[in-house]
């Protein structure tokens, strides 16, 4: 396709990064691609993908939700895709983008959906694996819910297991502000024992992941981000379905419990991470 594309999407980091293979494909074949989302996610996508990012809280975008709002038409856009449905919003969007074909998708951005949208753009754009042989092993210990978080107190055993296999890379354990608020006393103690560091921004997260030799994390936004940065990634899944939510990247290994995430033992995590590191 050769017309500009504007995408409206609001959601968690993982849901936002799930769009990236499609947005990368669109950016390779269209004159312009704009993602309208939360400001920090818009800036992250713009920086990594080279697309335009726009803050969804801008006055003109908020006006799309109001019946009878004053709408100013924009420069020509060929297609608008929104990940929500609203009669008022769609009516106003057609006034803002009078030359555009409007498509409203009332569904979350699962892997099958993004694969379909990517095929419509002509297929995926190759994403190279990034190798940092001397880099740290980075682990993000959090997730959107406790049910998706592998027990933090099992990570020391994984560290010890990899050292017995002559893998002596430095480790970096990280978490976000949500984890800082949600951790139990035991979680916080285990995280502190691991030398864990809390990150405040998405830019901090990107800078922590970029130099990694490999990354390990739960079914979470940081794991999706690591995969899309080309870093070898181990994604640890519990009750969620990896056929719908697995991260997309050039070197992704999924370890799925198929049920409660604490059913995965440390030996299995250590073995999966070792195998990931062995793939050149």
C-alpha atoms as a PDB file:
ATOM      1  CA  UNK A   1       0.000   0.000   0.000  1.00  0.00           C
ATOM      2  CA  UNK A   2       1.232   3.510  -0.761  1.00  0.00           C
ATOM      3  CA  UNK A   3      -1.028   5.705   1.356  1.00  0.00           C
ATOM      4  CA  UNK A   4      -0.285   7.145   4.826  1.00  0.00           C
ATOM      5  CA  UNK A   5      -1.589   5.114   7.768  1.00  0.00           C
ATOM      6  CA  UNK A   6      -2.764   6.362  11.173  1.00  0.00           C
ATOM      7  CA  UNK A   7      -3.256   3.821  13.986  1.00  0.00           C
ATOM      8  CA  UNK A   8      -5.144   4.577  17.205  1.00  0.00           C
ATOM      9  CA  UNK A   9      -4.347   2.207  20.061  1.00  0.00           C
ATOM     10  CA  UNK A  10      -4.468   2.483  23.862  1.00  0.00           C
ATOM     11  CA  UNK A  11      -3.271  -0.331  26.075  1.00  0.00           C
ATOM     12  CA  UNK A  12      -0.508  -1.769  28.208  1.00  0.00           C
ATOM     13  CA  UNK A  13       3.095  -1.852  27.002  1.00  0.00           C
ATOM     14  CA  UNK A  14       2.877  -5.472  25.856  1.00  0.00           C
ATOM     15  CA  UNK A  15      -0.264  -4.800  23.826  1.00  0.00           C
ATOM     16  CA  UNK A  16       1.410  -1.776  22.249  1.00  0.00           C
ATOM     17  CA  UNK A  17       4.633  -3.588  21.325  1.00  0.00           C
ATOM     18  CA  UNK A  18       2.565  -6.453  19.862  1.00  0.00           C
ATOM     19  CA  UNK A  19       1.739  -3.975  17.058  1.00  0.00           C
ATOM     20  CA  UNK A  20       5.361  -3.383  16.131  1.00  0.00           C
ATOM     21  CA  UNK A  21       5.923  -6.146  13.529  1.00  0.00           C
ATOM     22  CA  UNK A  22       2.897  -4.831  11.648  1.00  0.00           C
ATOM     23  CA  UNK A  23       3.912  -1.173  12.046  1.00  0.00           C
ATOM     24  CA  UNK A  24       7.442  -2.030  10.885  1.00  0.00           C
ATOM     25  CA  UNK A  25       6.018  -3.701   7.771  1.00  0.00           C
ATOM     26  CA  UNK A  26       3.734  -0.733   7.103  1.00  0.00           C
ATOM     27  CA  UNK A  27       6.559   1.772   7.563  1.00  0.00           C
ATOM     28  CA  UNK A  28       8.661  -0.072   4.968  1.00  0.00           C
ATOM     29  CA  UNK A  29       5.962   0.280   2.324  1.00  0.00           C
ATOM     30  CA  UNK A  30       3.998   3.438   3.110  1.00  0.00           C
ATOM     31  CA  UNK A  31       5.056   7.091   2.921  1.00  0.00           C
ATOM     32  CA  UNK A  32       4.105   7.689   6.557  1.00  0.00           C
ATOM     33  CA  UNK A  33       2.851   5.741   9.577  1.00  0.00           C
ATOM     34  CA  UNK A  34       1.578   7.409  12.758  1.00  0.00           C
ATOM     35  CA  UNK A  35       0.780   5.663  16.036  1.00  0.00           C
ATOM     36  CA  UNK A  36      -1.575   7.565  18.324  1.00  0.00           C
ATOM     37  CA  UNK A  37      -1.236   6.203  21.855  1.00  0.00           C
ATOM     38  CA  UNK A  38      -0.025   7.146  25.322  1.00  0.00           C
ATOM     39  CA  UNK A  39       2.790   9.690  25.113  1.00  0.00           C
ATOM     40  CA  UNK A  40       5.593   7.472  26.437  1.00  0.00           C
ATOM     41  CA  UNK A  41       4.645   4.524  24.222  1.00  0.00           C
ATOM     42  CA  UNK A  42       4.347   6.834  21.218  1.00  0.00           C
ATOM     43  CA  UNK A  43       7.854   8.179  21.828  1.00  0.00           C
ATOM     44  CA  UNK A  44       9.247   4.661  22.257  1.00  0.00           C
ATOM     45  CA  UNK A  45       7.700   3.410  19.000  1.00  0.00           C
ATOM     46  CA  UNK A  46       8.874   6.487  17.124  1.00  0.00           C
ATOM     47  CA  UNK A  47      12.427   6.053  18.404  1.00  0.00           C
ATOM     48  CA  UNK A  48      12.726   2.333  17.653  1.00  0.00           C
ATOM     49  CA  UNK A  49      10.606   2.000  14.497  1.00  0.00           C
ATOM     50  CA  UNK A  50      11.222   5.370  12.873  1.00  0.00           C
ATOM     51  CA  UNK A  51       7.499   6.122  12.607  1.00  0.00           C
ATOM     52  CA  UNK A  52       5.563   9.133  13.852  1.00  0.00           C
ATOM     53  CA  UNK A  53       4.258   8.956  17.405  1.00  0.00           C
ATOM     54  CA  UNK A  54       1.412  11.142  18.672  1.00  0.00           C
ATOM     55  CA  UNK A  55       0.036  11.612  22.176  1.00  0.00           C
ATOM     56  CA  UNK A  56      -3.545  10.334  22.344  1.00  0.00           C
ATOM     57  CA  UNK A  57      -4.308  12.954  24.997  1.00  0.00           C
ATOM     58  CA  UNK A  58      -3.896  15.823  22.566  1.00  0.00           C
ATOM     59  CA  UNK A  59      -6.975  18.041  22.486  1.00  0.00           C
ATOM     60  CA  UNK A  60      -7.919  17.217  18.907  1.00  0.00           C
ATOM     61  CA  UNK A  61      -7.835  13.472  19.591  1.00  0.00           C
ATOM     62  CA  UNK A  62      -9.855  13.759  22.804  1.00  0.00           C
ATOM     63  CA  UNK A  63     -12.464  15.706  20.836  1.00  0.00           C
ATOM     64  CA  UNK A  64     -13.115  12.622  18.695  1.00  0.00           C
ATOM     65  CA  UNK A  65     -15.019  11.090  21.620  1.00  0.00           C
ATOM     66  CA  UNK A  66     -17.438  14.024  22.013  1.00  0.00           C
ATOM     67  CA  UNK A  67     -20.680  14.276  20.104  1.00  0.00           C
ATOM     68  CA  UNK A  68     -20.947  17.586  18.273  1.00  0.00           C
ATOM     69  CA  UNK A  69     -17.277  18.440  18.835  1.00  0.00           C
ATOM     70  CA  UNK A  70     -15.526  20.883  16.541  1.00  0.00           C
ATOM     71  CA  UNK A  71     -13.282  18.800  14.292  1.00  0.00           C
ATOM     72  CA  UNK A  72     -10.582  20.190  12.023  1.00  0.00           C
ATOM     73  CA  UNK A  73      -9.699  18.081   8.954  1.00  0.00           C
ATOM     74  CA  UNK A  74      -6.065  17.022   8.724  1.00  0.00           C
ATOM     75  CA  UNK A  75      -3.668  16.501   5.862  1.00  0.00           C
ATOM     76  CA  UNK A  76      -4.656  13.624   3.548  1.00  0.00           C
ATOM     77  CA  UNK A  77      -4.450  10.165   5.090  1.00  0.00           C
ATOM     78  CA  UNK A  78      -5.248   6.987   3.185  1.00  0.00           C
ATOM     79  CA  UNK A  79      -6.223   4.658   6.040  1.00  0.00           C
ATOM     80  CA  UNK A  80      -7.126   4.920   9.720  1.00  0.00           C
ATOM     81  CA  UNK A  81      -7.207   1.819  11.913  1.00  0.00           C
ATOM     82  CA  UNK A  82      -8.555   2.070  15.463  1.00  0.00           C
ATOM     83  CA  UNK A  83      -8.498  -0.646  18.099  1.00  0.00           C
ATOM     84  CA  UNK A  84     -11.899   0.253  19.521  1.00  0.00           C
ATOM     85  CA  UNK A  85     -15.453   0.773  18.336  1.00  0.00           C
ATOM     86  CA  UNK A  86     -17.559   3.860  19.023  1.00  0.00           C
ATOM     87  CA  UNK A  87     -20.159   5.394  16.749  1.00  0.00           C
ATOM     88  CA  UNK A  88     -19.387   8.935  17.880  1.00  0.00           C
ATOM     89  CA  UNK A  89     -15.627   8.430  17.588  1.00  0.00           C
ATOM     90  CA  UNK A  90     -15.869   6.856  14.134  1.00  0.00           C
ATOM     91  CA  UNK A  91     -18.159   9.646  12.869  1.00  0.00           C
ATOM     92  CA  UNK A  92     -15.732  12.296  14.105  1.00  0.00           C
ATOM     93  CA  UNK A  93     -12.694  10.402  12.805  1.00  0.00           C
ATOM     94  CA  UNK A  94     -14.168  10.471   9.308  1.00  0.00           C
ATOM     95  CA  UNK A  95     -14.549  14.230   9.687  1.00  0.00           C
ATOM     96  CA  UNK A  96     -10.920  14.567  10.812  1.00  0.00           C
ATOM     97  CA  UNK A  97      -9.667  12.245   8.053  1.00  0.00           C
ATOM     98  CA  UNK A  98     -12.201  12.834   5.248  1.00  0.00           C
ATOM     99  CA  UNK A  99     -10.191  11.004   2.580  1.00  0.00           C
ATOM    100  CA  UNK A 100      -9.374   7.948   4.680  1.00  0.00           C
ATOM    101  CA  UNK A 101     -10.781   4.450   4.765  1.00  0.00           C
ATOM    102  CA  UNK A 102     -11.672   3.809   8.410  1.00  0.00           C
ATOM    103  CA  UNK A 103     -11.334   0.368   9.996  1.00  0.00           C
ATOM    104  CA  UNK A 104     -12.401  -0.228  13.603  1.00  0.00           C
ATOM    105  CA  UNK A 105     -11.081  -3.399  15.234  1.00  0.00           C
ATOM    106  CA  UNK A 106     -12.913  -4.321  18.422  1.00  0.00           C
ATOM    107  CA  UNK A 107     -10.299  -6.796  19.637  1.00  0.00           C
ATOM    108  CA  UNK A 108      -6.952  -6.931  21.395  1.00  0.00           C
ATOM    109  CA  UNK A 109      -3.806  -7.231  19.305  1.00  0.00           C
ATOM    110  CA  UNK A 110      -3.112 -10.958  19.491  1.00  0.00           C
ATOM    111  CA  UNK A 111      -0.360 -12.653  17.492  1.00  0.00           C
ATOM    112  CA  UNK A 112      -2.794 -14.116  14.920  1.00  0.00           C
ATOM    113  CA  UNK A 113      -4.384 -10.698  14.355  1.00  0.00           C
ATOM    114  CA  UNK A 114      -1.045  -8.923  14.007  1.00  0.00           C
ATOM    115  CA  UNK A 115       0.233 -11.664  11.691  1.00  0.00           C
ATOM    116  CA  UNK A 116      -2.841 -11.081   9.504  1.00  0.00           C
ATOM    117  CA  UNK A 117      -2.343  -7.297   9.436  1.00  0.00           C
ATOM    118  CA  UNK A 118       1.344  -7.792   8.645  1.00  0.00           C
ATOM    119  CA  UNK A 119       0.500 -10.026   5.695  1.00  0.00           C
ATOM    120  CA  UNK A 120      -1.876  -7.342   4.425  1.00  0.00           C
ATOM    121  CA  UNK A 121       1.101  -4.945   4.395  1.00  0.00           C
ATOM    122  CA  UNK A 122       3.111  -7.330   2.223  1.00  0.00           C
ATOM    123  CA  UNK A 123       4.694  -9.512   4.893  1.00  0.00           C
ATOM    124  CA  UNK A 124       7.136  -9.079   7.748  1.00  0.00           C
ATOM    125  CA  UNK A 125      10.299  -7.026   7.564  1.00  0.00           C
ATOM    126  CA  UNK A 126      13.308  -9.044   8.806  1.00  0.00           C
ATOM    127  CA  UNK A 127      14.464  -8.036  12.272  1.00  0.00           C
ATOM    128  CA  UNK A 128      18.114  -8.904  12.951  1.00  0.00           C
ATOM    129  CA  UNK A 129      19.187 -10.631  16.122  1.00  0.00           C
ATOM    130  CA  UNK A 130      21.384  -8.420  18.295  1.00  0.00           C
ATOM    131  CA  UNK A 131      24.347 -10.157  19.906  1.00  0.00           C
ATOM    132  CA  UNK A 132      26.315  -8.753  22.837  1.00  0.00           C
ATOM    133  CA  UNK A 133      28.581 -11.648  23.905  1.00  0.00           C
ATOM    134  CA  UNK A 134      29.961  -9.705  26.867  1.00  0.00           C
ATOM    135  CA  UNK A 135      26.638  -8.223  27.900  1.00  0.00           C
ATOM    136  CA  UNK A 136      24.635  -8.985  31.040  1.00  0.00           C
ATOM    137  CA  UNK A 137      21.773 -11.433  31.407  1.00  0.00           C
ATOM    138  CA  UNK A 138      18.817  -9.150  32.087  1.00  0.00           C
ATOM    139  CA  UNK A 139      15.764 -10.434  33.945  1.00  0.00           C
ATOM    140  CA  UNK A 140      12.533  -8.493  34.433  1.00  0.00           C
ATOM    141  CA  UNK A 141      10.703 -10.158  37.305  1.00  0.00           C
ATOM    142  CA  UNK A 142       7.278  -8.509  36.981  1.00  0.00           C
ATOM    143  CA  UNK A 143       4.079  -8.942  34.981  1.00  0.00           C
ATOM    144  CA  UNK A 144       0.596  -7.504  34.725  1.00  0.00           C
ATOM    145  CA  UNK A 145      -0.714  -9.852  37.394  1.00  0.00           C
ATOM    146  CA  UNK A 146       0.821 -12.080  40.103  1.00  0.00           C
ATOM    147  CA  UNK A 147      -0.527 -15.160  38.285  1.00  0.00           C
ATOM    148  CA  UNK A 148       1.831 -14.385  35.382  1.00  0.00           C
ATOM    149  CA  UNK A 149       4.930 -13.830  37.543  1.00  0.00           C
ATOM    150  CA  UNK A 150       7.421 -16.655  38.082  1.00  0.00           C
ATOM    151  CA  UNK A 151       8.496 -16.749  41.765  1.00  0.00           C
ATOM    152  CA  UNK A 152      11.359 -14.326  42.342  1.00  0.00           C
ATOM    153  CA  UNK A 153      12.926 -16.473  45.041  1.00  0.00           C
ATOM    154  CA  UNK A 154      13.725 -19.169  42.455  1.00  0.00           C
ATOM    155  CA  UNK A 155      16.084 -16.977  40.451  1.00  0.00           C
ATOM    156  CA  UNK A 156      19.148 -17.494  42.717  1.00  0.00           C
ATOM    157  CA  UNK A 157      18.950 -21.187  41.872  1.00  0.00           C
ATOM    158  CA  UNK A 158      18.901 -20.372  38.140  1.00  0.00           C
ATOM    159  CA  UNK A 159      21.955 -18.111  38.557  1.00  0.00           C
ATOM    160  CA  UNK A 160      23.808 -20.886  40.390  1.00  0.00           C
ATOM    161  CA  UNK A 161      22.796 -23.465  37.796  1.00  0.00           C
ATOM    162  CA  UNK A 162      24.130 -21.392  34.887  1.00  0.00           C
ATOM    163  CA  UNK A 163      27.403 -20.821  36.703  1.00  0.00           C
ATOM    164  CA  UNK A 164      27.881 -24.583  36.987  1.00  0.00           C
ATOM    165  CA  UNK A 165      27.511 -24.639  33.190  1.00  0.00           C
ATOM    166  CA  UNK A 166      30.365 -22.119  32.841  1.00  0.00           C
ATOM    167  CA  UNK A 167      27.999 -19.246  32.018  1.00  0.00           C
ATOM    168  CA  UNK A 168      29.462 -16.481  34.134  1.00  0.00           C
ATOM    169  CA  UNK A 169      27.887 -13.395  32.591  1.00  0.00           C
ATOM    170  CA  UNK A 170      26.816 -10.628  34.966  1.00  0.00           C
ATOM    171  CA  UNK A 171      23.133 -10.608  35.907  1.00  0.00           C
ATOM    172  CA  UNK A 172      20.853  -7.580  36.048  1.00  0.00           C
ATOM    173  CA  UNK A 173      17.477  -7.959  37.737  1.00  0.00           C
ATOM    174  CA  UNK A 174      14.963  -5.201  37.039  1.00  0.00           C
ATOM    175  CA  UNK A 175      11.362  -4.296  37.819  1.00  0.00           C
ATOM    176  CA  UNK A 176       9.042  -1.354  37.288  1.00  0.00           C
ATOM    177  CA  UNK A 177       7.180   1.026  39.533  1.00  0.00           C
ATOM    178  CA  UNK A 178       4.141  -1.267  39.475  1.00  0.00           C
ATOM    179  CA  UNK A 179       6.190  -4.069  41.011  1.00  0.00           C
ATOM    180  CA  UNK A 180       7.591  -1.666  43.611  1.00  0.00           C
ATOM    181  CA  UNK A 181       4.019  -1.076  44.793  1.00  0.00           C
ATOM    182  CA  UNK A 182       2.763  -4.659  44.361  1.00  0.00           C
ATOM    183  CA  UNK A 183       5.620  -6.729  45.803  1.00  0.00           C
ATOM    184  CA  UNK A 184       4.994  -8.614  49.013  1.00  0.00           C
ATOM    185  CA  UNK A 185       7.555  -8.306  51.766  1.00  0.00           C
ATOM    186  CA  UNK A 186       9.078 -11.627  50.671  1.00  0.00           C
ATOM    187  CA  UNK A 187       9.170 -10.522  47.011  1.00  0.00           C
ATOM    188  CA  UNK A 188      10.932  -7.313  47.956  1.00  0.00           C
ATOM    189  CA  UNK A 189      13.466  -9.151  50.092  1.00  0.00           C
ATOM    190  CA  UNK A 190      14.208 -11.646  47.283  1.00  0.00           C
ATOM    191  CA  UNK A 191      14.532  -8.820  44.749  1.00  0.00           C
ATOM    192  CA  UNK A 192      16.899  -6.912  47.022  1.00  0.00           C
ATOM    193  CA  UNK A 193      19.005 -10.060  47.526  1.00  0.00           C
ATOM    194  CA  UNK A 194      19.382 -10.272  43.743  1.00  0.00           C
ATOM    195  CA  UNK A 195      20.574  -6.662  43.595  1.00  0.00           C
ATOM    196  CA  UNK A 196      17.394  -5.662  41.791  1.00  0.00           C
ATOM    197  CA  UNK A 197      16.844  -2.188  40.385  1.00  0.00           C
ATOM    198  CA  UNK A 198      13.517  -0.420  39.873  1.00  0.00           C
ATOM    199  CA  UNK A 199      13.054   1.484  36.611  1.00  0.00           C
ATOM    200  CA  UNK A 200      10.823   4.522  36.350  1.00  0.00           C
ATOM    201  CA  UNK A 201      10.405   5.064  32.600  1.00  0.00           C
ATOM    202  CA  UNK A 202      10.170   3.177  29.323  1.00  0.00           C
ATOM    203  CA  UNK A 203      13.371   4.869  28.228  1.00  0.00           C
ATOM    204  CA  UNK A 204      15.095   3.452  31.328  1.00  0.00           C
ATOM    205  CA  UNK A 205      13.706   0.025  30.400  1.00  0.00           C
ATOM    206  CA  UNK A 206      14.954   0.246  26.837  1.00  0.00           C
ATOM    207  CA  UNK A 207      18.420   1.295  27.971  1.00  0.00           C
ATOM    208  CA  UNK A 208      18.554  -1.599  30.452  1.00  0.00           C
ATOM    209  CA  UNK A 209      17.582  -4.177  27.818  1.00  0.00           C
ATOM    210  CA  UNK A 210      19.570  -2.963  24.796  1.00  0.00           C
ATOM    211  CA  UNK A 211      23.065  -4.140  25.860  1.00  0.00           C
ATOM    212  CA  UNK A 212      21.871  -7.539  27.124  1.00  0.00           C
ATOM    213  CA  UNK A 213      23.433 -10.806  26.035  1.00  0.00           C
ATOM    214  CA  UNK A 214      19.997 -12.302  26.675  1.00  0.00           C
ATOM    215  CA  UNK A 215      16.760 -11.340  28.398  1.00  0.00           C
ATOM    216  CA  UNK A 216      14.344 -13.401  30.476  1.00  0.00           C
ATOM    217  CA  UNK A 217      10.914 -12.330  31.629  1.00  0.00           C
ATOM    218  CA  UNK A 218       7.306 -13.276  32.133  1.00  0.00           C
ATOM    219  CA  UNK A 219       4.396 -12.716  29.759  1.00  0.00           C
ATOM    220  CA  UNK A 220       4.813  -8.963  30.071  1.00  0.00           C
ATOM    221  CA  UNK A 221       5.538  -5.749  28.208  1.00  0.00           C
ATOM    222  CA  UNK A 222       9.292  -5.772  28.885  1.00  0.00           C
ATOM    223  CA  UNK A 223       9.566  -9.276  27.401  1.00  0.00           C
ATOM    224  CA  UNK A 224       7.775  -8.142  24.232  1.00  0.00           C
ATOM    225  CA  UNK A 225      10.068  -5.121  24.066  1.00  0.00           C
ATOM    226  CA  UNK A 226      13.229  -7.216  24.418  1.00  0.00           C
ATOM    227  CA  UNK A 227      12.109  -9.507  21.591  1.00  0.00           C
ATOM    228  CA  UNK A 228      11.388  -6.532  19.330  1.00  0.00           C
ATOM    229  CA  UNK A 229      14.774  -5.004  20.123  1.00  0.00           C
ATOM    230  CA  UNK A 230      16.341  -8.157  18.668  1.00  0.00           C
ATOM    231  CA  UNK A 231      17.712  -9.389  21.998  1.00  0.00           C
ATOM    232  CA  UNK A 232      17.624 -13.194  22.535  1.00  0.00           C
ATOM    233  CA  UNK A 233      14.575 -13.581  24.764  1.00  0.00           C
ATOM    234  CA  UNK A 234      13.201 -16.251  27.081  1.00  0.00           C
ATOM    235  CA  UNK A 235       9.482 -15.735  27.680  1.00  0.00           C
ATOM    236  CA  UNK A 236       8.090 -17.569  30.718  1.00  0.00           C
ATOM    237  CA  UNK A 237       4.371 -18.292  30.458  1.00  0.00           C
ATOM    238  CA  UNK A 238       1.955 -19.558  33.079  1.00  0.00           C
ATOM    239  CA  UNK A 239      -1.825 -19.519  32.569  1.00  0.00           C
ATOM    240  CA  UNK A 240      -1.831 -17.332  29.426  1.00  0.00           C
ATOM    241  CA  UNK A 241      -1.752 -18.828  25.942  1.00  0.00           C
ATOM    242  CA  UNK A 242       1.508 -18.287  24.037  1.00  0.00           C
ATOM    243  CA  UNK A 243      -0.220 -18.985  20.719  1.00  0.00           C
ATOM    244  CA  UNK A 244      -2.035 -15.689  21.309  1.00  0.00           C
ATOM    245  CA  UNK A 245       0.471 -13.676  23.325  1.00  0.00           C
ATOM    246  CA  UNK A 246       4.001 -14.928  22.632  1.00  0.00           C
ATOM    247  CA  UNK A 247       6.469 -12.138  21.832  1.00  0.00           C
ATOM    248  CA  UNK A 248       7.728 -11.806  18.282  1.00  0.00           C
ATOM    249  CA  UNK A 249      11.428 -11.494  17.575  1.00  0.00           C
ATOM    250  CA  UNK A 250      14.394 -13.119  15.821  1.00  0.00           C
ATOM    251  CA  UNK A 251      15.502 -15.199  18.845  1.00  0.00           C
ATOM    252  CA  UNK A 252      12.574 -15.989  21.141  1.00  0.00           C
ATOM    253  CA  UNK A 253      12.254 -19.108  23.275  1.00  0.00           C
ATOM    254  CA  UNK A 254       8.900 -19.698  25.029  1.00  0.00           C
ATOM    255  CA  UNK A 255       8.751 -21.800  28.185  1.00  0.00           C
ATOM    256  CA  UNK A 256       5.097 -22.492  29.009  1.00  0.00           C
ATOM    257  CA  UNK A 257       3.715 -24.054  32.176  1.00  0.00           C
ATOM    258  CA  UNK A 258       0.312 -24.621  30.611  1.00  0.00           C
ATOM    259  CA  UNK A 259      -1.190 -23.756  33.998  1.00  0.00           C
ATOM    260  CA  UNK A 260      -0.001 -22.132  37.225  1.00  0.00           C
ATOM    261  CA  UNK A 261       3.357 -20.534  36.550  1.00  0.00           C
ATOM    262  CA  UNK A 262       4.895 -21.822  39.766  1.00  0.00           C
ATOM    263  CA  UNK A 263       4.635 -25.297  38.225  1.00  0.00           C
ATOM    264  CA  UNK A 264       7.799 -24.467  36.296  1.00  0.00           C
ATOM    265  CA  UNK A 265      10.907 -25.472  38.201  1.00  0.00           C
ATOM    266  CA  UNK A 266      14.235 -23.697  38.266  1.00  0.00           C
ATOM    267  CA  UNK A 267      15.956 -26.496  36.352  1.00  0.00           C
ATOM    268  CA  UNK A 268      13.611 -26.003  33.407  1.00  0.00           C
ATOM    269  CA  UNK A 269      14.191 -22.244  33.351  1.00  0.00           C
ATOM    270  CA  UNK A 270      17.964 -22.699  33.603  1.00  0.00           C
ATOM    271  CA  UNK A 271      17.958 -25.266  30.792  1.00  0.00           C
ATOM    272  CA  UNK A 272      15.824 -23.065  28.512  1.00  0.00           C
ATOM    273  CA  UNK A 273      18.062 -20.053  29.118  1.00  0.00           C
ATOM    274  CA  UNK A 274      21.181 -22.137  28.487  1.00  0.00           C
ATOM    275  CA  UNK A 275      19.750 -23.394  25.189  1.00  0.00           C
ATOM    276  CA  UNK A 276      18.845 -19.843  24.182  1.00  0.00           C
ATOM    277  CA  UNK A 277      22.408 -18.684  24.823  1.00  0.00           C
ATOM    278  CA  UNK A 278      23.780 -21.595  22.806  1.00  0.00           C
ATOM    279  CA  UNK A 279      21.908 -20.594  19.650  1.00  0.00           C
ATOM    280  CA  UNK A 280      24.168 -18.369  17.589  1.00  0.00           C
END
